[in-house]
Amino acid sequence: MTDTTTIQLTKNVLEVLNWAKEYPRQTYNELVKKMAEIFVYVKKRNQCDEFLHKIQQPKMKELWNDPSDEAWECV
């Protein structure tokens, strides 16, 4: 018994996969695995960026809502 499955892809997805190959003999399995690993890495990184953004928001609101900054706009 093998550990492989069959998935259905539209022809345009297949074209994108063919275009994305790093070398002509790269298998779809290798390509999809690499794409999935990159996606997971970017997703984790984005979560960190969102976390940092959320913890910075209160301080940024404090700085942006500083009434003394308005004096500079009239100069």
N, C-alpha and C. Protein backbone atom coordinates (compact mmCIF):
# COMPACT_ATOMS: atom_id res chain seq x y z
N MET A 1 0.85 -1.19 0.00
CA MET A 1 0.00 0.00 0.00
C MET A 1 0.88 1.24 0.00
N THR A 2 0.58 2.19 -0.88
CA THR A 2 1.38 3.41 -0.97
C THR A 2 0.76 4.53 -0.15
N ASP A 3 1.58 5.52 0.14
CA ASP A 3 1.11 6.68 0.89
C ASP A 3 0.81 7.86 -0.02
N THR A 4 0.32 7.60 -1.20
CA THR A 4 0.03 8.68 -2.13
C THR A 4 -1.47 8.80 -2.33
N THR A 5 -1.89 10.00 -2.71
CA THR A 5 -3.29 10.26 -2.99
C THR A 5 -3.41 10.94 -4.34
N THR A 6 -4.61 11.06 -4.81
CA THR A 6 -4.88 11.76 -6.06
C THR A 6 -5.70 12.99 -5.73
N ILE A 7 -5.30 14.13 -6.29
CA ILE A 7 -6.07 15.35 -6.12
C ILE A 7 -6.44 15.89 -7.49
N GLN A 8 -7.55 16.58 -7.57
CA GLN A 8 -7.97 17.16 -8.83
C GLN A 8 -7.61 18.64 -8.83
N LEU A 9 -6.98 19.07 -9.92
CA LEU A 9 -6.59 20.47 -10.09
C LEU A 9 -7.13 20.99 -11.42
N THR A 10 -7.50 22.25 -11.44
CA THR A 10 -7.91 22.84 -12.71
C THR A 10 -6.67 23.05 -13.58
N LYS A 11 -6.89 23.19 -14.87
CA LYS A 11 -5.76 23.35 -15.79
C LYS A 11 -4.96 24.62 -15.51
N ASN A 12 -5.64 25.70 -15.08
CA ASN A 12 -4.88 26.93 -14.79
C ASN A 12 -4.01 26.76 -13.55
N VAL A 13 -4.44 25.97 -12.55
CA VAL A 13 -3.59 25.71 -11.39
C VAL A 13 -2.39 24.89 -11.81
N LEU A 14 -2.61 23.94 -12.69
CA LEU A 14 -1.52 23.12 -13.20
C LEU A 14 -0.50 23.97 -13.96
N GLU A 15 -1.00 24.94 -14.72
CA GLU A 15 -0.10 25.86 -15.45
C GLU A 15 0.74 26.68 -14.47
N VAL A 16 0.12 27.15 -13.40
CA VAL A 16 0.86 27.93 -12.39
C VAL A 16 1.92 27.06 -11.73
N LEU A 17 1.55 25.81 -11.41
CA LEU A 17 2.52 24.90 -10.81
C LEU A 17 3.69 24.64 -11.76
N ASN A 18 3.40 24.45 -13.03
CA ASN A 18 4.47 24.24 -14.00
C ASN A 18 5.37 25.47 -14.09
N TRP A 19 4.78 26.65 -14.04
CA TRP A 19 5.56 27.89 -14.11
C TRP A 19 6.42 28.07 -12.85
N ALA A 20 5.91 27.59 -11.72
CA ALA A 20 6.59 27.79 -10.43
C ALA A 20 7.73 26.81 -10.18
N LYS A 21 7.84 25.79 -11.00
CA LYS A 21 8.90 24.80 -10.78
C LYS A 21 10.27 25.45 -10.81
N GLU A 22 11.15 25.01 -9.91
CA GLU A 22 12.50 25.53 -9.85
C GLU A 22 13.41 24.88 -10.89
N TYR A 23 13.06 23.68 -11.29
CA TYR A 23 13.79 22.97 -12.33
C TYR A 23 12.80 22.03 -13.03
N PRO A 24 13.04 21.71 -14.29
CA PRO A 24 12.04 20.98 -15.09
C PRO A 24 11.58 19.63 -14.51
N ARG A 25 12.45 18.90 -13.86
CA ARG A 25 12.08 17.57 -13.37
C ARG A 25 11.56 17.59 -11.93
N GLN A 26 11.36 18.76 -11.37
CA GLN A 26 10.82 18.85 -10.02
C GLN A 26 9.40 18.27 -10.00
N THR A 27 9.13 17.41 -9.05
CA THR A 27 7.80 16.80 -8.98
C THR A 27 6.81 17.76 -8.36
N TYR A 28 5.53 17.51 -8.66
CA TYR A 28 4.49 18.34 -8.05
C TYR A 28 4.49 18.15 -6.54
N ASN A 29 4.80 16.96 -6.08
CA ASN A 29 4.86 16.69 -4.65
C ASN A 29 5.91 17.58 -3.98
N GLU A 30 7.11 17.65 -4.56
CA GLU A 30 8.17 18.51 -4.02
C GLU A 30 7.75 19.97 -4.03
N LEU A 31 7.15 20.37 -5.13
CA LEU A 31 6.75 21.76 -5.30
C LEU A 31 5.65 22.16 -4.30
N VAL A 32 4.63 21.33 -4.19
CA VAL A 32 3.52 21.64 -3.27
C VAL A 32 4.01 21.63 -1.83
N LYS A 33 4.88 20.69 -1.49
CA LYS A 33 5.43 20.63 -0.13
C LYS A 33 6.20 21.91 0.19
N LYS A 34 7.05 22.35 -0.74
CA LYS A 34 7.83 23.57 -0.52
C LYS A 34 6.91 24.79 -0.40
N MET A 35 5.90 24.86 -1.25
CA MET A 35 4.96 25.98 -1.21
C MET A 35 4.21 26.00 0.12
N ALA A 36 3.82 24.82 0.60
CA ALA A 36 3.09 24.74 1.87
C ALA A 36 3.99 25.16 3.03
N GLU A 37 5.26 24.74 3.01
CA GLU A 37 6.19 25.14 4.07
C GLU A 37 6.40 26.65 4.08
N ILE A 38 6.52 27.24 2.91
CA ILE A 38 6.68 28.70 2.83
C ILE A 38 5.42 29.39 3.33
N PHE A 39 4.26 28.88 2.97
CA PHE A 39 3.00 29.46 3.42
C PHE A 39 2.89 29.44 4.94
N VAL A 40 3.24 28.30 5.55
CA VAL A 40 3.17 28.17 7.01
C VAL A 40 4.14 29.15 7.66
N TYR A 41 5.35 29.27 7.12
CA TYR A 41 6.34 30.20 7.67
C TYR A 41 5.83 31.64 7.60
N VAL A 42 5.30 32.02 6.45
CA VAL A 42 4.79 33.39 6.29
C VAL A 42 3.60 33.64 7.21
N LYS A 43 2.75 32.64 7.35
CA LYS A 43 1.58 32.78 8.22
C LYS A 43 2.02 33.00 9.68
N LYS A 44 3.01 32.22 10.13
CA LYS A 44 3.52 32.40 11.49
C LYS A 44 4.15 33.78 11.65
N ARG A 45 4.91 34.19 10.67
CA ARG A 45 5.57 35.49 10.73
C ARG A 45 4.53 36.62 10.76
N ASN A 46 3.48 36.47 9.98
CA ASN A 46 2.43 37.47 9.95
C ASN A 46 1.73 37.56 11.31
N GLN A 47 1.57 36.43 11.99
CA GLN A 47 0.96 36.44 13.32
C GLN A 47 1.83 37.23 14.28
N CYS A 48 3.14 37.09 14.17
CA CYS A 48 4.05 37.86 15.03
C CYS A 48 3.93 39.34 14.73
N ASP A 49 3.86 39.69 13.45
CA ASP A 49 3.73 41.09 13.07
C ASP A 49 2.42 41.67 13.59
N GLU A 50 1.33 40.90 13.48
CA GLU A 50 0.04 41.36 13.99
C GLU A 50 0.09 41.55 15.50
N PHE A 51 0.75 40.64 16.21
CA PHE A 51 0.88 40.74 17.66
C PHE A 51 1.63 42.03 18.03
N LEU A 52 2.76 42.28 17.36
CA LEU A 52 3.53 43.49 17.64
C LEU A 52 2.71 44.74 17.34
N HIS A 53 1.97 44.70 16.24
CA HIS A 53 1.14 45.84 15.87
C HIS A 53 0.08 46.11 16.95
N LYS A 54 -0.53 45.06 17.46
CA LYS A 54 -1.57 45.22 18.48
C LYS A 54 -1.02 45.78 19.78
N ILE A 55 0.17 45.34 20.18
CA ILE A 55 0.70 45.86 21.43
C ILE A 55 1.25 47.28 21.28
N GLN A 56 1.53 47.69 20.05
CA GLN A 56 2.01 49.05 19.82
C GLN A 56 0.87 50.04 19.64
N GLN A 57 -0.32 49.57 19.32
CA GLN A 57 -1.44 50.47 19.03
C GLN A 57 -1.74 51.47 20.14
N PRO A 58 -1.84 51.08 21.41
CA PRO A 58 -2.16 52.08 22.44
C PRO A 58 -1.14 53.22 22.49
N LYS A 59 0.14 52.90 22.40
CA LYS A 59 1.16 53.95 22.45
C LYS A 59 1.08 54.83 21.22
N MET A 60 0.83 54.24 20.07
CA MET A 60 0.74 55.02 18.85
C MET A 60 -0.47 55.96 18.90
N LYS A 61 -1.60 55.49 19.43
CA LYS A 61 -2.77 56.35 19.57
C LYS A 61 -2.46 57.52 20.50
N GLU A 62 -1.73 57.23 21.57
CA GLU A 62 -1.33 58.27 22.51
C GLU A 62 -0.48 59.32 21.80
N LEU A 63 0.46 58.88 21.00
CA LEU A 63 1.34 59.81 20.29
C LEU A 63 0.61 60.56 19.19
N TRP A 64 -0.27 59.87 18.46
CA TRP A 64 -0.97 60.50 17.36
C TRP A 64 -2.02 61.49 17.83
N ASN A 65 -2.57 61.30 19.01
CA ASN A 65 -3.62 62.17 19.51
C ASN A 65 -3.07 63.27 20.41
N ASP A 66 -1.81 63.57 20.28
CA ASP A 66 -1.18 64.60 21.11
C ASP A 66 -1.57 65.98 20.57
N PRO A 67 -2.33 66.78 21.35
CA PRO A 67 -2.78 68.09 20.90
C PRO A 67 -1.63 69.07 20.62
N SER A 68 -0.49 68.87 21.25
CA SER A 68 0.63 69.79 21.01
C SER A 68 1.16 69.67 19.58
N ASP A 69 0.88 68.59 18.91
CA ASP A 69 1.32 68.43 17.52
C ASP A 69 0.57 69.36 16.57
N GLU A 70 -0.64 69.73 16.95
CA GLU A 70 -1.45 70.60 16.09
C GLU A 70 -0.84 71.98 15.93
N ALA A 71 -0.05 72.41 16.90
CA ALA A 71 0.60 73.73 16.81
C ALA A 71 1.55 73.79 15.61
N TRP A 72 2.14 72.67 15.25
CA TRP A 72 3.08 72.63 14.13
C TRP A 72 2.38 72.79 12.80
N GLU A 73 1.10 72.43 12.72
CA GLU A 73 0.35 72.51 11.48
C GLU A 73 0.08 73.96 11.07
N CYS A 74 0.04 74.88 12.01
CA CYS A 74 -0.27 76.29 11.73
C CYS A 74 0.97 77.08 11.31
N VAL A 75 2.14 76.52 11.44
CA VAL A 75 3.38 77.25 11.14
C VAL A 75 3.62 77.28 9.67
